[in-house]
Amino acid sequence: MTAPTRVLLIGAGSVAQRHASVLGGFEDVVIAGVTDVDSDATQTLARATGGRAHPSLEAALHEEAPDAAYVCVPPFAHGDAERALVEAGVPFFVEKPLAAGLEPAEELAAAIAERGLVTATGYHWRHLEGMARARELLAERPPSLVTGTWLDKLPPPAWWGRRALSGGQIVEQATHLLDCMLDLAGDIEEVHAIARPGTGRL
């Protein structure tokens, strides 16, 4: 019998908890370990998943030697974890957005490509049945104009409303819309956007 895939969770917040719940439904996957800057959150998720709690990513990589990792950290925290995984040669999944700014994302993309590492990102809307149907309908009539609107409230985490930490609304949430647009319409040649002033925090 093939040994189960041992996954390391980097981050122990609500997003990591949702991924842990999904991964727990696969018979061939086990949560090997959990690490987060919040030790209480680390311990809580480790107990819930049966994985071991680790005080740092370095310790987790050394002690667990995982087959794969899930990086579930806020936008501003991306970078160090991915670099460590690339150096260790561990395939990984990254929750979107890839970073709060373009430069870190491009740097990591280059390092991943050079290493030839298998990675994936959390742009799951493109896998919905509705998207598959849209591709069928647009196959012979490619769109020339695509519009998108995001209507939602500001989520509770303190970093969300601070552009330097979240990357702003386009980067943090509406990036899902942009991913769908690119998937359905291909490369974009011209962009227009209208924003409604809100709290002023983004």
C-alpha atoms as a PDB file:
ATOM      1  CA  MET A   1       0.000   0.000   0.000  1.00  0.00           C
ATOM      2  CA  THR A   2       1.301   3.486  -0.927  1.00  0.00           C
ATOM      3  CA  ALA A   3       2.274   5.655   2.021  1.00  0.00           C
ATOM      4  CA  PRO A   4       0.015   8.685   2.562  1.00  0.00           C
ATOM      5  CA  THR A   5       1.127  12.144   1.468  1.00  0.00           C
ATOM      6  CA  ARG A   6       2.410  14.002   4.516  1.00  0.00           C
ATOM      7  CA  VAL A   7       1.376  17.661   4.443  1.00  0.00           C
ATOM      8  CA  LEU A   8       2.767  20.507   6.523  1.00  0.00           C
ATOM      9  CA  LEU A   9       0.410  23.400   7.283  1.00  0.00           C
ATOM     10  CA  ILE A  10       2.135  26.776   7.471  1.00  0.00           C
ATOM     11  CA  GLY A  11      -0.354  29.074   9.147  1.00  0.00           C
ATOM     12  CA  ALA A  12      -3.119  28.061  11.523  1.00  0.00           C
ATOM     13  CA  GLY A  13      -5.816  30.669  10.930  1.00  0.00           C
ATOM     14  CA  SER A  14      -9.292  30.255   9.482  1.00  0.00           C
ATOM     15  CA  VAL A  15      -8.077  29.566   5.925  1.00  0.00           C
ATOM     16  CA  ALA A  16      -5.642  26.891   7.107  1.00  0.00           C
ATOM     17  CA  GLN A  17      -8.441  25.359   9.158  1.00  0.00           C
ATOM     18  CA  ARG A  18     -10.648  25.082   6.071  1.00  0.00           C
ATOM     19  CA  HIS A  19      -7.866  23.438   4.073  1.00  0.00           C
ATOM     20  CA  ALA A  20      -7.167  21.063   6.957  1.00  0.00           C
ATOM     21  CA  SER A  21     -10.833  20.064   6.975  1.00  0.00           C
ATOM     22  CA  VAL A  22     -10.750  19.267   3.247  1.00  0.00           C
ATOM     23  CA  LEU A  23      -7.423  17.428   3.449  1.00  0.00           C
ATOM     24  CA  GLY A  24      -8.793  15.395   6.333  1.00  0.00           C
ATOM     25  CA  GLY A  25     -11.326  13.894   3.947  1.00  0.00           C
ATOM     26  CA  PHE A  26      -8.633  12.168   1.858  1.00  0.00           C
ATOM     27  CA  GLU A  27      -7.587   8.703   2.990  1.00  0.00           C
ATOM     28  CA  ASP A  28      -4.158   9.097   1.370  1.00  0.00           C
ATOM     29  CA  VAL A  29      -3.281  12.395   3.086  1.00  0.00           C
ATOM     30  CA  VAL A  30      -2.182  13.103   6.650  1.00  0.00           C
ATOM     31  CA  ILE A  31      -1.392  16.397   8.325  1.00  0.00           C
ATOM     32  CA  ALA A  32       2.162  15.815   9.481  1.00  0.00           C
ATOM     33  CA  GLY A  33       2.668  19.104  11.261  1.00  0.00           C
ATOM     34  CA  VAL A  34       1.454  22.642  11.870  1.00  0.00           C
ATOM     35  CA  THR A  35       3.394  25.846  12.440  1.00  0.00           C
ATOM     36  CA  ASP A  36       2.271  29.441  12.975  1.00  0.00           C
ATOM     37  CA  VAL A  37       3.628  32.556  14.676  1.00  0.00           C
ATOM     38  CA  ASP A  38       0.681  32.220  17.072  1.00  0.00           C
ATOM     39  CA  SER A  39       1.620  29.287  19.312  1.00  0.00           C
ATOM     40  CA  ASP A  40      -1.923  28.883  20.672  1.00  0.00           C
ATOM     41  CA  ALA A  41      -3.348  28.646  17.150  1.00  0.00           C
ATOM     42  CA  THR A  42      -0.614  26.169  16.238  1.00  0.00           C
ATOM     43  CA  GLN A  43      -1.459  23.931  19.195  1.00  0.00           C
ATOM     44  CA  THR A  44      -5.198  24.129  18.539  1.00  0.00           C
ATOM     45  CA  LEU A  45      -4.975  23.166  14.866  1.00  0.00           C
ATOM     46  CA  ALA A  46      -2.385  20.476  15.568  1.00  0.00           C
ATOM     47  CA  ARG A  47      -4.726  18.845  18.089  1.00  0.00           C
ATOM     48  CA  ALA A  48      -7.639  19.060  15.641  1.00  0.00           C
ATOM     49  CA  THR A  49      -5.685  17.470  12.774  1.00  0.00           C
ATOM     50  CA  GLY A  50      -3.516  14.989  14.622  1.00  0.00           C
ATOM     51  CA  GLY A  51      -0.375  16.691  13.362  1.00  0.00           C
ATOM     52  CA  ARG A  52       2.535  17.809  15.502  1.00  0.00           C
ATOM     53  CA  ALA A  53       2.858  21.445  16.560  1.00  0.00           C
ATOM     54  CA  HIS A  54       6.144  23.124  15.684  1.00  0.00           C
ATOM     55  CA  PRO A  55       7.528  26.433  16.981  1.00  0.00           C
ATOM     56  CA  SER A  56       9.020  27.371  13.607  1.00  0.00           C
ATOM     57  CA  LEU A  57       9.011  26.413   9.956  1.00  0.00           C
ATOM     58  CA  GLU A  58      12.666  25.425  10.165  1.00  0.00           C
ATOM     59  CA  ALA A  59      11.881  22.975  12.967  1.00  0.00           C
ATOM     60  CA  ALA A  60       8.882  21.583  11.098  1.00  0.00           C
ATOM     61  CA  LEU A  61      10.851  20.977   7.900  1.00  0.00           C
ATOM     62  CA  HIS A  62      13.678  19.342   9.804  1.00  0.00           C
ATOM     63  CA  GLU A  63      11.533  17.086  11.969  1.00  0.00           C
ATOM     64  CA  GLU A  64       8.747  16.193   9.536  1.00  0.00           C
ATOM     65  CA  ALA A  65      10.418  16.127   6.084  1.00  0.00           C
ATOM     66  CA  PRO A  66       6.949  16.667   4.538  1.00  0.00           C
ATOM     67  CA  ASP A  67       5.947  15.573   1.053  1.00  0.00           C
ATOM     68  CA  ALA A  68       4.097  18.851   0.497  1.00  0.00           C
ATOM     69  CA  ALA A  69       3.104  22.034   2.288  1.00  0.00           C
ATOM     70  CA  TYR A  70       0.195  24.455   2.376  1.00  0.00           C
ATOM     71  CA  VAL A  71       1.167  28.111   2.863  1.00  0.00           C
ATOM     72  CA  CYS A  72      -1.827  29.829   4.464  1.00  0.00           C
ATOM     73  CA  VAL A  73      -0.491  33.155   5.713  1.00  0.00           C
ATOM     74  CA  PRO A  74      -1.636  36.784   5.261  1.00  0.00           C
ATOM     75  CA  PRO A  75      -0.382  38.638   2.141  1.00  0.00           C
ATOM     76  CA  PHE A  76       2.325  40.554   3.993  1.00  0.00           C
ATOM     77  CA  ALA A  77       3.756  37.337   5.464  1.00  0.00           C
ATOM     78  CA  HIS A  78       4.484  35.635   2.139  1.00  0.00           C
ATOM     79  CA  GLY A  79       8.112  35.225   1.149  1.00  0.00           C
ATOM     80  CA  ASP A  80      10.151  33.581   3.874  1.00  0.00           C
ATOM     81  CA  ALA A  81       8.030  30.414   3.994  1.00  0.00           C
ATOM     82  CA  GLU A  82       8.076  29.955   0.239  1.00  0.00           C
ATOM     83  CA  ARG A  83      11.833  30.559   0.052  1.00  0.00           C
ATOM     84  CA  ALA A  84      12.417  27.928   2.720  1.00  0.00           C
ATOM     85  CA  LEU A  85      10.233  25.434   0.857  1.00  0.00           C
ATOM     86  CA  VAL A  86      11.992  26.109  -2.438  1.00  0.00           C
ATOM     87  CA  GLU A  87      15.368  25.604  -0.782  1.00  0.00           C
ATOM     88  CA  ALA A  88      14.127  22.365   0.800  1.00  0.00           C
ATOM     89  CA  GLY A  89      12.625  21.178  -2.485  1.00  0.00           C
ATOM     90  CA  VAL A  90       9.143  20.723  -1.010  1.00  0.00           C
ATOM     91  CA  PRO A  91       6.182  21.117  -3.423  1.00  0.00           C
ATOM     92  CA  PHE A  92       3.624  23.528  -2.052  1.00  0.00           C
ATOM     93  CA  PHE A  93       0.216  25.147  -2.367  1.00  0.00           C
ATOM     94  CA  VAL A  94      -0.019  28.902  -1.726  1.00  0.00           C
ATOM     95  CA  GLU A  95      -3.166  30.671  -0.666  1.00  0.00           C
ATOM     96  CA  LYS A  96      -3.878  33.796  -2.689  1.00  0.00           C
ATOM     97  CA  PRO A  97      -2.754  36.464  -2.986  1.00  0.00           C
ATOM     98  CA  LEU A  98       0.840  35.433  -3.597  1.00  0.00           C
ATOM     99  CA  ALA A  99       2.131  38.561  -1.853  1.00  0.00           C
ATOM    100  CA  ALA A 100       1.069  42.080  -0.917  1.00  0.00           C
ATOM    101  CA  GLY A 101       3.160  43.441  -3.794  1.00  0.00           C
ATOM    102  CA  LEU A 102       4.402  42.399  -7.200  1.00  0.00           C
ATOM    103  CA  GLU A 103       8.156  42.230  -6.527  1.00  0.00           C
ATOM    104  CA  PRO A 104       8.079  39.398  -3.926  1.00  0.00           C
ATOM    105  CA  ALA A 105       5.719  37.359  -6.123  1.00  0.00           C
ATOM    106  CA  GLU A 106       7.967  37.713  -9.165  1.00  0.00           C
ATOM    107  CA  GLU A 107      11.064  36.849  -7.134  1.00  0.00           C
ATOM    108  CA  LEU A 108       9.434  33.682  -5.824  1.00  0.00           C
ATOM    109  CA  ALA A 109       8.108  32.740  -9.264  1.00  0.00           C
ATOM    110  CA  ALA A 110      11.639  32.897 -10.662  1.00  0.00           C
ATOM    111  CA  ALA A 111      13.052  30.790  -7.812  1.00  0.00           C
ATOM    112  CA  ILE A 112      10.295  28.196  -8.227  1.00  0.00           C
ATOM    113  CA  ALA A 113      10.826  28.005 -11.988  1.00  0.00           C
ATOM    114  CA  GLU A 114      14.583  27.623 -11.561  1.00  0.00           C
ATOM    115  CA  ARG A 115      14.062  24.767  -9.097  1.00  0.00           C
ATOM    116  CA  GLY A 116      11.335  23.165 -11.251  1.00  0.00           C
ATOM    117  CA  LEU A 117       9.127  22.768  -8.209  1.00  0.00           C
ATOM    118  CA  VAL A 118       5.461  21.745  -8.379  1.00  0.00           C
ATOM    119  CA  THR A 119       3.273  24.496  -6.930  1.00  0.00           C
ATOM    120  CA  ALA A 120      -0.347  25.665  -7.025  1.00  0.00           C
ATOM    121  CA  THR A 121      -2.330  28.708  -5.915  1.00  0.00           C
ATOM    122  CA  GLY A 122      -5.751  29.124  -4.343  1.00  0.00           C
ATOM    123  CA  TYR A 123      -7.619  30.453  -7.371  1.00  0.00           C
ATOM    124  CA  HIS A 124     -10.381  27.893  -7.090  1.00  0.00           C
ATOM    125  CA  TRP A 125     -13.160  29.758  -8.911  1.00  0.00           C
ATOM    126  CA  ARG A 126     -11.708  28.689 -12.269  1.00  0.00           C
ATOM    127  CA  HIS A 127     -12.552  25.093 -11.324  1.00  0.00           C
ATOM    128  CA  LEU A 128     -16.267  25.727 -10.741  1.00  0.00           C
ATOM    129  CA  GLU A 129     -18.798  24.051 -13.036  1.00  0.00           C
ATOM    130  CA  GLY A 130     -20.065  27.467 -14.113  1.00  0.00           C
ATOM    131  CA  MET A 131     -16.605  28.394 -15.377  1.00  0.00           C
ATOM    132  CA  ALA A 132     -16.367  25.184 -17.385  1.00  0.00           C
ATOM    133  CA  ARG A 133     -19.717  25.991 -19.000  1.00  0.00           C
ATOM    134  CA  ALA A 134     -18.614  29.562 -19.704  1.00  0.00           C
ATOM    135  CA  ARG A 135     -15.526  28.275 -21.505  1.00  0.00           C
ATOM    136  CA  GLU A 136     -17.727  26.098 -23.699  1.00  0.00           C
ATOM    137  CA  LEU A 137     -20.014  29.016 -24.578  1.00  0.00           C
ATOM    138  CA  LEU A 138     -17.086  31.334 -25.330  1.00  0.00           C
ATOM    139  CA  ALA A 139     -14.979  28.833 -27.273  1.00  0.00           C
ATOM    140  CA  GLU A 140     -16.223  30.007 -30.674  1.00  0.00           C
ATOM    141  CA  ARG A 141     -17.062  33.589 -29.677  1.00  0.00           C
ATOM    142  CA  PRO A 142     -14.203  35.021 -27.596  1.00  0.00           C
ATOM    143  CA  PRO A 143     -15.238  38.064 -25.533  1.00  0.00           C
ATOM    144  CA  SER A 144     -13.966  41.505 -26.449  1.00  0.00           C
ATOM    145  CA  LEU A 145     -15.115  43.169 -23.206  1.00  0.00           C
ATOM    146  CA  VAL A 146     -15.181  41.737 -19.685  1.00  0.00           C
ATOM    147  CA  THR A 147     -16.605  43.494 -16.622  1.00  0.00           C
ATOM    148  CA  GLY A 148     -16.448  42.471 -12.999  1.00  0.00           C
ATOM    149  CA  THR A 149     -17.891  43.715  -9.700  1.00  0.00           C
ATOM    150  CA  TRP A 150     -17.036  42.732  -6.140  1.00  0.00           C
ATOM    151  CA  LEU A 151     -19.670  43.389  -3.475  1.00  0.00           C
ATOM    152  CA  ASP A 152     -18.721  42.394   0.057  1.00  0.00           C
ATOM    153  CA  LYS A 153     -17.949  43.646   3.536  1.00  0.00           C
ATOM    154  CA  LEU A 154     -14.518  44.253   5.007  1.00  0.00           C
ATOM    155  CA  PRO A 155     -13.429  41.025   6.746  1.00  0.00           C
ATOM    156  CA  PRO A 156     -12.484  41.184  10.454  1.00  0.00           C
ATOM    157  CA  PRO A 157      -8.682  40.545  10.505  1.00  0.00           C
ATOM    158  CA  ALA A 158      -6.878  43.740  11.523  1.00  0.00           C
ATOM    159  CA  TRP A 159      -4.432  43.605   8.610  1.00  0.00           C
ATOM    160  CA  TRP A 160      -7.169  43.399   5.963  1.00  0.00           C
ATOM    161  CA  GLY A 161      -7.944  47.096   5.895  1.00  0.00           C
ATOM    162  CA  ARG A 162      -4.310  48.201   5.629  1.00  0.00           C
ATOM    163  CA  ARG A 163      -3.019  48.265   2.067  1.00  0.00           C
ATOM    164  CA  ALA A 164       0.608  47.790   3.078  1.00  0.00           C
ATOM    165  CA  LEU A 165      -0.346  44.506   4.732  1.00  0.00           C
ATOM    166  CA  SER A 166      -3.134  43.199   2.494  1.00  0.00           C
ATOM    167  CA  GLY A 167      -2.115  44.667  -0.857  1.00  0.00           C
ATOM    168  CA  GLY A 168      -5.478  46.411  -1.128  1.00  0.00           C
ATOM    169  CA  GLN A 169      -8.881  45.263  -2.288  1.00  0.00           C
ATOM    170  CA  ILE A 170      -7.833  44.336  -5.831  1.00  0.00           C
ATOM    171  CA  VAL A 171      -4.954  42.202  -4.594  1.00  0.00           C
ATOM    172  CA  GLU A 172      -6.695  40.594  -1.608  1.00  0.00           C
ATOM    173  CA  GLN A 173     -10.232  39.801  -2.793  1.00  0.00           C
ATOM    174  CA  ALA A 174     -11.042  41.006  -6.303  1.00  0.00           C
ATOM    175  CA  THR A 175      -8.018  39.077  -7.545  1.00  0.00           C
ATOM    176  CA  HIS A 176     -10.450  36.147  -7.901  1.00  0.00           C
ATOM    177  CA  LEU A 177     -12.389  38.157 -10.483  1.00  0.00           C
ATOM    178  CA  LEU A 178      -9.223  39.018 -12.377  1.00  0.00           C
ATOM    179  CA  ASP A 179      -8.188  35.375 -12.447  1.00  0.00           C
ATOM    180  CA  CYS A 180     -11.562  34.382 -13.933  1.00  0.00           C
ATOM    181  CA  MET A 181     -11.357  37.167 -16.503  1.00  0.00           C
ATOM    182  CA  LEU A 182      -7.912  36.051 -17.624  1.00  0.00           C
ATOM    183  CA  ASP A 183      -9.047  32.449 -17.781  1.00  0.00           C
ATOM    184  CA  LEU A 184     -12.079  33.254 -19.948  1.00  0.00           C
ATOM    185  CA  ALA A 185     -10.783  36.116 -22.072  1.00  0.00           C
ATOM    186  CA  GLY A 186      -7.024  35.664 -22.260  1.00  0.00           C
ATOM    187  CA  ASP A 187      -4.501  38.489 -22.016  1.00  0.00           C
ATOM    188  CA  ILE A 188      -6.011  41.885 -21.272  1.00  0.00           C
ATOM    189  CA  GLU A 189      -5.049  44.824 -23.477  1.00  0.00           C
ATOM    190  CA  GLU A 190      -6.743  47.713 -21.694  1.00  0.00           C
ATOM    191  CA  VAL A 191      -8.148  48.201 -18.190  1.00  0.00           C
ATOM    192  CA  HIS A 192     -10.683  50.624 -16.713  1.00  0.00           C
ATOM    193  CA  ALA A 193     -11.730  50.583 -13.061  1.00  0.00           C
ATOM    194  CA  ILE A 194     -14.126  52.502 -10.836  1.00  0.00           C
ATOM    195  CA  ALA A 195     -13.851  52.310  -7.059  1.00  0.00           C
ATOM    196  CA  ARG A 196     -16.311  53.480  -4.429  1.00  0.00           C
ATOM    197  CA  PRO A 197     -14.573  55.234  -1.557  1.00  0.00           C
ATOM    198  CA  GLY A 198     -15.238  53.279   1.612  1.00  0.00           C
ATOM    199  CA  THR A 199     -13.555  53.280   4.988  1.00  0.00           C
ATOM    200  CA  GLY A 200     -10.396  54.798   3.573  1.00  0.00           C
ATOM    201  CA  ARG A 201      -8.342  52.018   5.129  1.00  0.00           C
ATOM    202  CA  LEU A 202      -7.520  50.299   1.852  1.00  0.00           C
END
